[in-house]
Amino acid sequence: MKITVIGTGYLGTTHAACMAELGFEVLGLDILPERVAALASGNVPMYEPGLEELLRKHLHGLEGSTGRLRFTTSWEEVGDFGDVHFICTNTPQRRGEFACDMSYVESAFDLLAPHLKRPTLVVGKSTVPVGSADRLSRRLAEAAPAGAAAEVAWNPEFLREGFAVDDTLNPDRLVIGVRSAEAEATLRELYAPLIDKGTPLVVTDFPTAELVKTAANSFLATKISFINAMAEVCEASGADVVQLSGALAHDTRIGGRFLNAGLGFGGGCLPKDIRAFMARAGELGADQALTFLREVDSINMRRRSRMVELAREQCGGALLGRRIAVLGAAFKPDSDDVRDSPALNVAGQLQLQGAQVTVYDPKAMDNARKMFPALNYAESVLEAVTGAHVVLHLTEWQEFRSMDPDELAEVVAEPRILDGRNVLDPQRWRDAGWTYRALGRPS
């Protein structure tokens, strides 16, 4: 089988490179010529560990590569080439609403359809509202010359930024929503290298496949907000949320993953996915089933406001003119993604309230500058914290975990640090003369 991947953003580029790694000939398409040119030259336009190396291993035209991976802007070429077409376009939050913006997915189907002249399988990987696959299936059959022989399946992605390559090549499960034995057989053949290694394959109908991803993200978001709600109670009662979460993690029914209190979640998936899920439930008349997600979202946003309040307290009650170092811009470590970044949100709030904010991040500086051009940016931790009245640790990069408090104490104006991720050693920093505070921990 020959594979095409429509949309070469974070998801699409990863999927294309990994399908080439599994031995398929792959053609990736994007409507942005500059992105296609960058990928065709071996440059991945985002930071994801191991992805650029994998792309170069298979990129057509590079010496020593397998040549199995190419990129194009031509829909006609994609239609002629592919036996299976993966739709990997973005589904952002609709402007001014909670609902999902389906325009990119719909456009991909509409532009691909006229070029489907033979039996083929179009596989959606984008996170979409339940009911979308059924609607898009009818839409494709009406527009494609192949008619109903241009079939749709849904195969949601479960990638974690920073681990996307491994999550694609060694997934904890594969979910496929299909309507025919032929579609199931095609995807079983496609994923045979993973299934043969023991990866569970879950075969479902369309709506169940669509719900798996949104339900999973909603559960993870709920777990994060639960421990952050406990952090609020800990602050009020004098308890320690790190010790609390550690004790809870020993319960095998709960487990410790996603149970770390801190600044909360962000990025391009969890926030918009839980909001879109609420919106879709309302359309289906099941809005009461997901009202708890409003509180999940609210708790998450309160963590950002609380960090701003803590910074103000450490600055003596006023932020105006105070110098604040923000360590972290990406929404999580091992990524340059700044979409809905809690770190940048806090930095922006502090600046709006009169603070002089300097940001440093190991990988996300360029993206941060584009989103928040008015902030100050440094080229190193040492430069960022020089002269700071308070240091905020907001993205848990390993570089920040291993900082030397004695070294930094020599350049700051006042040795005060707020650990927004609860991963620094409080005693080590206090022994070095720092005032250490963290969300949900005793002062």
Protein backbone atom coordinates (compact mmCIF):
# COMPACT_ATOMS: atom_id res chain seq x y z
CA MET A 1 0.00 0.00 0.00
CA LYS A 2 1.00 3.58 -0.66
CA ILE A 3 0.20 6.11 2.05
CA THR A 4 -0.56 9.81 1.90
CA VAL A 5 -0.74 12.18 4.86
CA ILE A 6 -2.86 15.32 4.47
CA GLY A 7 -1.60 18.11 6.72
CA THR A 8 2.02 18.17 7.83
CA GLY A 9 1.84 19.92 11.14
CA TYR A 10 2.87 18.25 14.37
CA LEU A 11 0.63 15.19 13.95
CA GLY A 12 0.99 14.79 10.20
CA THR A 13 4.77 15.09 10.02
CA THR A 14 5.17 12.57 12.82
CA HIS A 15 2.72 10.13 11.22
CA ALA A 16 4.32 10.45 7.78
CA ALA A 17 7.83 9.78 9.07
CA CYS A 18 6.66 6.85 11.20
CA MET A 19 4.73 5.25 8.33
CA ALA A 20 7.94 5.43 6.29
CA GLU A 21 9.75 3.81 9.19
CA LEU A 22 7.22 0.95 9.04
CA GLY A 23 8.22 0.38 5.41
CA PHE A 24 5.56 2.21 3.40
CA GLU A 25 6.01 4.67 0.58
CA VAL A 26 4.58 7.92 1.92
CA LEU A 27 3.57 11.20 0.30
CA GLY A 28 2.80 14.12 2.59
CA LEU A 29 0.70 17.09 1.46
CA ASP A 30 0.36 20.58 2.84
CA ILE A 31 -1.21 23.71 1.38
CA LEU A 32 1.69 25.84 2.67
CA PRO A 33 4.50 25.77 0.07
CA GLU A 34 7.05 27.04 2.61
CA ARG A 35 6.29 24.14 4.96
CA VAL A 36 6.58 21.61 2.15
CA ALA A 37 9.89 23.18 1.07
CA ALA A 38 11.24 23.00 4.62
CA LEU A 39 10.25 19.35 5.05
CA ALA A 40 11.58 18.44 1.59
CA SER A 41 14.96 19.86 2.63
CA GLY A 42 14.96 17.82 5.84
CA ASN A 43 13.95 20.54 8.30
CA VAL A 44 11.07 19.90 10.70
CA PRO A 45 9.27 23.19 11.54
CA MET A 46 8.71 22.22 15.18
CA TYR A 47 10.77 20.71 17.97
CA GLU A 48 10.01 17.06 18.69
CA PRO A 49 12.79 14.77 19.95
CA GLY A 50 13.86 12.26 17.31
CA LEU A 51 11.49 13.46 14.59
CA GLU A 52 13.93 15.30 12.36
CA GLU A 53 16.36 12.39 12.46
CA LEU A 54 13.59 9.98 11.48
CA LEU A 55 12.43 12.25 8.65
CA ARG A 56 15.96 12.51 7.26
CA LYS A 57 16.36 8.73 7.47
CA HIS A 58 13.58 8.27 4.91
CA LEU A 59 13.44 11.55 2.97
CA HIS A 60 13.59 11.19 -0.80
CA GLY A 61 16.65 12.85 -2.31
CA LEU A 62 18.90 12.72 0.75
CA GLU A 63 22.03 10.63 0.39
CA GLY A 64 21.83 7.44 2.39
CA SER A 65 18.08 7.67 3.05
CA THR A 66 15.51 5.03 2.12
CA GLY A 67 13.76 7.54 -0.13
CA ARG A 68 10.34 6.35 1.02
CA LEU A 69 9.08 9.79 2.10
CA ARG A 70 8.21 12.77 -0.14
CA PHE A 71 6.17 15.96 0.18
CA THR A 72 3.96 17.88 -2.24
CA THR A 73 1.34 20.61 -2.58
CA SER A 74 -0.51 18.78 -5.40
CA TRP A 75 -3.89 17.22 -4.61
CA GLU A 76 -3.89 15.49 -7.98
CA GLU A 77 -0.56 13.82 -7.19
CA VAL A 78 -1.90 12.69 -3.81
CA GLY A 79 -5.05 11.22 -5.40
CA ASP A 80 -3.06 9.30 -8.00
CA PHE A 81 -0.48 8.08 -5.49
CA GLY A 82 -2.37 6.95 -2.42
CA ASP A 83 -4.21 3.78 -1.51
CA VAL A 84 -4.81 5.05 2.03
CA HIS A 85 -5.11 8.76 2.82
CA PHE A 86 -4.65 9.96 6.41
CA ILE A 87 -6.29 13.27 7.36
CA CYS A 88 -4.11 14.97 9.99
CA THR A 89 -5.30 18.58 9.83
CA ASN A 90 -5.81 20.86 12.79
CA THR A 91 -9.10 21.21 14.70
CA PRO A 92 -8.67 24.37 16.79
CA GLN A 93 -11.22 25.97 19.06
CA ARG A 94 -13.67 28.09 17.09
CA ARG A 95 -13.07 31.79 17.67
CA GLY A 96 -15.35 33.17 20.36
CA GLU A 97 -16.88 29.77 21.13
CA PHE A 98 -16.12 26.49 22.88
CA ALA A 99 -16.94 24.46 19.78
CA CYS A 100 -14.39 22.83 17.48
CA ASP A 101 -13.49 24.53 14.19
CA MET A 102 -13.92 21.78 11.59
CA SER A 103 -13.10 23.95 8.59
CA TYR A 104 -9.61 22.51 8.06
CA VAL A 105 -10.80 18.89 8.15
CA GLU A 106 -13.78 19.64 5.93
CA SER A 107 -11.56 21.48 3.45
CA ALA A 108 -9.17 18.52 3.33
CA PHE A 109 -12.01 16.14 2.48
CA ASP A 110 -13.46 18.53 -0.11
CA LEU A 111 -10.13 19.14 -1.86
CA LEU A 112 -9.17 15.46 -1.85
CA ALA A 113 -12.54 14.08 -3.01
CA PRO A 114 -12.40 15.07 -6.73
CA HIS A 115 -9.14 13.14 -7.10
CA LEU A 116 -10.41 9.84 -5.69
CA LYS A 117 -11.16 7.95 -8.89
CA ARG A 118 -10.61 4.40 -7.62
CA PRO A 119 -11.43 2.44 -4.44
CA THR A 120 -9.55 4.00 -1.56
CA LEU A 121 -9.66 4.48 2.21
CA VAL A 122 -9.63 7.93 3.82
CA VAL A 123 -8.64 7.68 7.46
CA GLY A 124 -9.29 10.53 9.86
CA LYS A 125 -6.77 11.01 12.65
CA SER A 126 -7.76 14.54 13.71
CA THR A 127 -9.67 14.98 16.98
CA VAL A 128 -13.24 15.78 15.93
CA PRO A 129 -16.68 16.10 17.56
CA VAL A 130 -18.58 12.82 17.75
CA GLY A 131 -20.74 12.45 14.65
CA SER A 132 -18.21 14.01 12.29
CA ALA A 133 -17.05 10.77 10.65
CA ASP A 134 -20.55 9.82 9.61
CA ARG A 135 -21.19 13.25 8.11
CA LEU A 136 -17.82 13.34 6.32
CA SER A 137 -18.35 9.83 4.98
CA ARG A 138 -21.54 10.92 3.22
CA ARG A 139 -19.87 14.09 2.01
CA LEU A 140 -16.95 12.17 0.53
CA ALA A 141 -19.11 9.60 -1.24
CA GLU A 142 -21.16 12.37 -2.87
CA ALA A 143 -18.12 14.29 -4.13
CA ALA A 144 -15.64 11.56 -5.10
CA PRO A 145 -15.75 10.07 -8.62
CA ALA A 146 -15.29 6.65 -6.96
CA GLY A 147 -18.51 7.21 -4.98
CA ALA A 148 -19.04 4.84 -2.08
CA ALA A 149 -15.81 3.04 -2.99
CA ALA A 150 -14.05 6.02 -1.41
CA GLU A 151 -14.58 4.81 2.14
CA VAL A 152 -13.93 6.55 5.47
CA ALA A 153 -12.46 5.15 8.70
CA TRP A 154 -11.50 6.91 11.91
CA ASN A 155 -8.21 6.23 13.69
CA PRO A 156 -7.66 8.75 16.52
CA GLU A 157 -4.15 9.71 17.55
CA PHE A 158 -2.88 9.54 21.14
CA LEU A 159 0.43 11.37 20.86
CA ARG A 160 2.18 13.11 23.73
CA GLU A 161 4.33 16.01 22.66
CA GLY A 162 7.91 15.15 23.51
CA PHE A 163 7.21 11.42 22.97
CA ALA A 164 5.36 11.50 19.65
CA VAL A 165 7.68 9.23 17.66
CA ASP A 166 7.69 6.51 20.31
CA ASP A 167 3.92 6.87 20.84
CA THR A 168 3.39 6.26 17.10
CA LEU A 169 5.79 3.35 16.74
CA ASN A 170 5.02 1.79 20.14
CA PRO A 171 1.44 2.84 20.96
CA ASP A 172 -0.38 1.53 24.02
CA ARG A 173 -3.41 0.84 21.80
CA LEU A 174 -4.74 1.30 18.27
CA VAL A 175 -8.36 2.34 17.82
CA ILE A 176 -10.11 2.10 14.45
CA GLY A 177 -13.70 3.05 13.69
CA VAL A 178 -14.84 1.24 10.54
CA ARG A 179 -18.00 0.30 8.67
CA SER A 180 -16.80 -2.58 6.53
CA ALA A 181 -14.68 -5.71 6.75
CA GLU A 182 -12.58 -4.35 3.89
CA ALA A 183 -11.68 -1.18 5.80
CA GLU A 184 -10.79 -3.20 8.88
CA ALA A 185 -8.63 -5.56 6.83
CA THR A 186 -6.81 -2.65 5.22
CA LEU A 187 -5.96 -1.07 8.56
CA ARG A 188 -4.97 -4.41 10.06
CA GLU A 189 -2.53 -4.86 7.18
CA LEU A 190 -1.28 -1.31 7.54
CA TYR A 191 -0.63 -1.65 11.27
CA ALA A 192 0.52 -5.30 11.13
CA PRO A 193 4.07 -4.44 12.33
CA LEU A 194 2.59 -2.88 15.49
CA ILE A 195 -0.11 -5.52 16.03
CA ASP A 196 2.46 -8.29 15.65
CA LYS A 197 4.45 -6.69 18.50
CA GLY A 198 1.44 -7.03 20.77
CA THR A 199 -0.22 -3.62 20.44
CA PRO A 200 -3.94 -4.04 21.26
CA LEU A 201 -6.28 -3.23 18.38
CA VAL A 202 -9.73 -1.95 19.33
CA VAL A 203 -12.24 -2.11 16.46
CA THR A 204 -15.31 0.08 16.95
CA ASP A 205 -18.02 2.02 15.16
CA PHE A 206 -17.48 5.66 14.12
CA PRO A 207 -18.88 7.46 17.19
CA THR A 208 -17.01 5.28 19.68
CA ALA A 209 -13.69 5.84 17.89
CA GLU A 210 -14.32 9.59 17.92
CA LEU A 211 -15.20 9.57 21.62
CA VAL A 212 -12.14 7.60 22.72
CA LYS A 213 -9.77 10.54 22.18
CA THR A 214 -12.00 13.22 23.69
CA ALA A 215 -12.90 11.00 26.62
CA ALA A 216 -9.23 10.19 27.27
CA ASN A 217 -8.22 13.85 27.21
CA SER A 218 -11.14 14.79 29.45
CA PHE A 219 -10.14 12.13 31.98
CA LEU A 220 -6.51 13.30 32.04
CA ALA A 221 -7.57 16.93 32.39
CA THR A 222 -9.89 15.95 35.24
CA LYS A 223 -7.10 14.11 37.05
CA ILE A 224 -4.76 17.11 36.73
CA SER A 225 -7.41 19.53 37.95
CA PHE A 226 -8.35 17.21 40.80
CA ILE A 227 -4.87 17.33 42.32
CA ASN A 228 -4.71 21.07 41.69
CA ALA A 229 -8.01 21.45 43.56
CA MET A 230 -6.38 19.49 46.38
CA ALA A 231 -3.49 21.98 46.19
CA GLU A 232 -5.95 24.79 46.90
CA VAL A 233 -7.21 22.92 49.97
CA CYS A 234 -3.63 22.21 51.04
CA GLU A 235 -2.76 25.90 50.88
CA ALA A 236 -5.79 26.73 53.02
CA SER A 237 -5.06 24.02 55.59
CA GLY A 238 -1.26 23.97 55.71
CA ALA A 239 -0.96 20.49 54.17
CA ASP A 240 1.61 19.47 51.55
CA VAL A 241 0.13 18.49 48.17
CA VAL A 242 3.31 16.72 47.06
CA GLN A 243 3.12 14.37 50.03
CA LEU A 244 -0.62 14.01 49.46
CA SER A 245 -0.25 13.04 45.79
CA GLY A 246 2.56 10.64 46.69
CA ALA A 247 0.30 8.88 49.18
CA LEU A 248 -2.57 8.74 46.68
CA ALA A 249 -0.29 7.28 44.00
CA HIS A 250 0.24 4.13 46.08
CA ASP A 251 -3.43 3.31 45.54
CA THR A 252 -3.41 1.13 42.42
CA ARG A 253 -6.92 2.33 41.58
CA ILE A 254 -5.59 5.90 41.27
CA GLY A 255 -1.93 5.71 40.25
CA GLY A 256 0.57 8.53 40.15
CA ARG A 257 0.56 9.62 36.52
CA PHE A 258 -0.94 13.08 35.89
CA LEU A 259 -1.20 13.54 39.65
CA ASN A 260 1.48 16.23 40.00
CA ALA A 261 0.09 19.51 41.32
CA GLY A 262 1.31 22.69 39.73
CA LEU A 263 0.49 25.32 37.16
CA GLY A 264 -1.91 23.08 35.25
CA PHE A 265 -2.30 21.94 31.67
CA GLY A 266 -2.09 23.84 28.41
CA GLY A 267 -1.07 23.17 24.82
CA GLY A 268 -3.04 22.61 21.67
CA CYS A 269 -5.06 19.58 22.82
CA LEU A 270 -6.44 19.31 26.34
CA PRO A 271 -7.91 22.82 26.77
CA LYS A 272 -9.66 23.02 23.40
CA ASP A 273 -10.67 19.35 23.41
CA ILE A 274 -12.56 19.48 26.72
CA ARG A 275 -14.30 22.68 25.62
CA ALA A 276 -15.27 21.18 22.28
CA PHE A 277 -16.53 18.08 24.09
CA MET A 278 -18.79 20.22 26.27
CA ALA A 279 -20.08 22.09 23.23
CA ARG A 280 -20.84 18.89 21.33
CA ALA A 281 -22.58 17.33 24.34
CA GLY A 282 -24.81 20.39 24.43
CA GLU A 283 -25.68 19.95 20.75
CA LEU A 284 -26.62 16.33 21.47
CA GLY A 285 -28.78 17.26 24.44
CA ALA A 286 -26.36 15.64 26.90
CA ASP A 287 -24.82 18.83 28.28
CA GLN A 288 -25.52 17.90 31.93
CA ALA A 289 -23.25 14.86 31.55
CA LEU A 290 -20.21 17.09 31.13
CA THR A 291 -20.92 20.06 33.38
CA PHE A 292 -18.06 18.89 35.62
CA LEU A 293 -15.63 19.75 32.81
CA ARG A 294 -16.45 23.44 33.31
CA GLU A 295 -15.03 23.19 36.82
CA VAL A 296 -12.04 21.22 35.50
CA ASP A 297 -11.33 24.10 33.12
CA SER A 298 -11.94 26.69 35.83
CA ILE A 299 -9.56 25.03 38.31
CA ASN A 300 -6.92 24.88 35.62
CA MET A 301 -7.18 28.58 34.84
CA ARG A 302 -7.18 29.50 38.56
CA ARG A 303 -3.71 28.02 38.93
CA ARG A 304 -2.36 30.69 36.61
CA SER A 305 -4.01 33.48 38.56
CA ARG A 306 -2.71 32.01 41.81
CA MET A 307 0.86 32.06 40.48
CA VAL A 308 0.48 35.75 39.64
CA GLU A 309 -0.81 36.37 43.18
CA LEU A 310 2.16 34.53 44.69
CA ALA A 311 4.55 36.59 42.57
CA ARG A 312 2.89 39.78 43.81
CA GLU A 313 3.22 38.62 47.42
CA GLN A 314 6.92 37.90 46.91
CA CYS A 315 7.34 41.39 45.46
CA GLY A 316 5.96 42.99 48.60
CA GLY A 317 2.42 43.41 47.33
CA ALA A 318 3.14 45.43 44.16
CA LEU A 319 4.41 44.31 40.76
CA LEU A 320 5.01 47.72 39.21
CA GLY A 321 8.65 48.02 38.20
CA ARG A 322 9.70 44.72 39.77
CA ARG A 323 11.96 42.48 37.72
CA ILE A 324 10.66 38.94 37.29
CA ALA A 325 12.37 36.03 35.55
CA VAL A 326 10.10 33.41 33.98
CA LEU A 327 11.82 30.10 33.28
CA GLY A 328 9.77 28.34 30.65
CA ALA A 329 7.66 29.32 27.65
CA ALA A 330 6.57 25.98 26.17
CA PHE A 331 3.44 24.46 27.69
CA LYS A 332 5.50 21.37 28.62
CA PRO A 333 9.15 20.27 28.45
CA ASP A 334 10.65 18.64 25.34
CA SER A 335 8.43 20.77 23.09
CA ASP A 336 8.50 24.20 21.49
CA ASP A 337 4.69 24.43 21.50
CA VAL A 338 3.45 27.62 23.17
CA ARG A 339 -0.26 27.23 22.39
CA ASP A 340 -2.25 28.08 25.52
CA SER A 341 1.00 27.93 27.49
CA PRO A 342 0.45 28.46 31.24
CA ALA A 343 3.98 29.87 31.51
CA LEU A 344 3.45 32.52 28.86
CA ASN A 345 -0.02 33.30 30.17
CA VAL A 346 1.46 34.06 33.61
CA ALA A 347 4.29 36.06 32.05
CA GLY A 348 1.80 38.14 30.07
CA GLN A 349 -0.39 38.80 33.12
CA LEU A 350 2.63 39.92 35.15
CA GLN A 351 3.72 42.30 32.41
CA LEU A 352 0.23 43.79 32.09
CA GLN A 353 0.33 44.51 35.82
CA GLY A 354 3.54 46.48 35.52
CA ALA A 355 6.32 43.95 36.09
CA GLN A 356 9.46 43.84 33.96
CA VAL A 357 9.36 40.24 32.76
CA THR A 358 12.24 38.32 31.16
CA VAL A 359 11.57 34.85 29.71
CA TYR A 360 13.94 32.01 28.89
CA ASP A 361 13.12 28.59 27.40
CA PRO A 362 15.54 26.05 25.89
CA LYS A 363 13.49 25.46 22.71
CA ALA A 364 10.41 27.71 22.51
CA MET A 365 11.96 31.18 22.29
CA ASP A 366 11.11 31.85 18.64
CA ASN A 367 7.49 30.78 19.06
CA ALA A 368 7.19 32.76 22.29
CA ARG A 369 8.49 35.94 20.63
CA LYS A 370 5.89 35.59 17.89
CA MET A 371 3.05 35.24 20.38
CA PHE A 372 4.26 37.73 23.04
CA PRO A 373 6.64 40.13 21.26
CA ALA A 374 6.46 42.72 24.06
CA LEU A 375 8.09 40.46 26.65
CA ASN A 376 11.85 40.51 27.25
CA TYR A 377 13.77 37.39 26.30
CA ALA A 378 17.11 36.05 27.49
CA GLU A 379 19.51 33.54 25.96
CA SER A 380 20.26 31.62 29.16
CA VAL A 381 19.00 30.98 32.66
CA LEU A 382 21.75 33.13 34.11
CA GLU A 383 20.89 36.06 31.86
CA ALA A 384 17.18 35.73 32.62
CA VAL A 385 17.55 35.78 36.40
CA THR A 386 20.18 38.51 36.62
CA GLY A 387 18.73 41.34 38.69
CA ALA A 388 15.42 39.54 39.29
CA HIS A 389 13.40 40.20 42.42
CA VAL A 390 11.67 36.83 42.01
CA VAL A 391 12.25 33.80 39.76
CA LEU A 392 9.31 31.75 38.47
CA HIS A 393 9.95 28.15 37.41
CA LEU A 394 7.01 27.39 35.09
CA THR A 395 8.07 24.67 32.60
CA GLU A 396 9.88 21.66 34.04
CA TRP A 397 12.78 21.32 31.60
CA GLN A 398 15.67 19.19 32.87
CA GLU A 399 17.91 22.24 32.48
CA PHE A 400 15.82 24.00 35.13
CA ARG A 401 15.63 20.97 37.43
CA SER A 402 19.42 20.88 37.57
CA MET A 403 19.99 24.61 38.24
CA ASP A 404 22.56 25.51 40.91
CA PRO A 405 20.85 27.73 43.51
CA ASP A 406 24.20 28.98 44.82
CA GLU A 407 25.26 30.17 41.36
CA LEU A 408 21.96 31.92 40.69
CA ALA A 409 21.93 33.56 44.14
CA GLU A 410 25.00 35.56 43.13
CA VAL A 411 23.20 37.39 40.29
CA VAL A 412 19.60 37.88 41.43
CA ALA A 413 18.45 41.03 43.21
CA GLU A 414 16.58 38.93 45.79
CA PRO A 415 16.81 35.12 46.18
CA ARG A 416 13.13 34.25 45.84
CA ILE A 417 11.82 31.39 43.70
CA LEU A 418 8.30 30.17 42.94
CA ASP A 419 8.23 26.57 41.76
CA GLY A 420 5.18 26.32 39.53
CA ARG A 421 5.77 22.64 38.80
CA ASN A 422 6.70 21.27 42.24
CA VAL A 423 9.81 19.48 40.97
CA LEU A 424 12.65 21.47 42.59
CA ASP A 425 14.09 20.37 45.94
CA PRO A 426 12.78 22.90 48.50
CA GLN A 427 15.44 22.12 51.09
CA ARG A 428 18.29 22.53 48.62
CA TRP A 429 17.07 25.99 47.62
CA ARG A 430 16.35 27.07 51.19
CA ASP A 431 19.78 25.89 52.32
CA ALA A 432 21.25 28.15 49.64
CA GLY A 433 19.43 31.13 51.17
CA TRP A 434 16.41 31.26 48.88
CA THR A 435 12.82 31.90 49.83
CA TYR A 436 11.09 28.91 48.20
CA ARG A 437 7.33 28.79 47.52
CA ALA A 438 5.25 26.35 45.48
CA LEU A 439 1.59 25.82 44.74
CA GLY A 440 -0.04 23.65 47.39
CA ARG A 441 2.97 23.45 49.74
CA PRO A 442 3.60 25.01 53.16
CA SER A 443 5.65 28.21 53.13
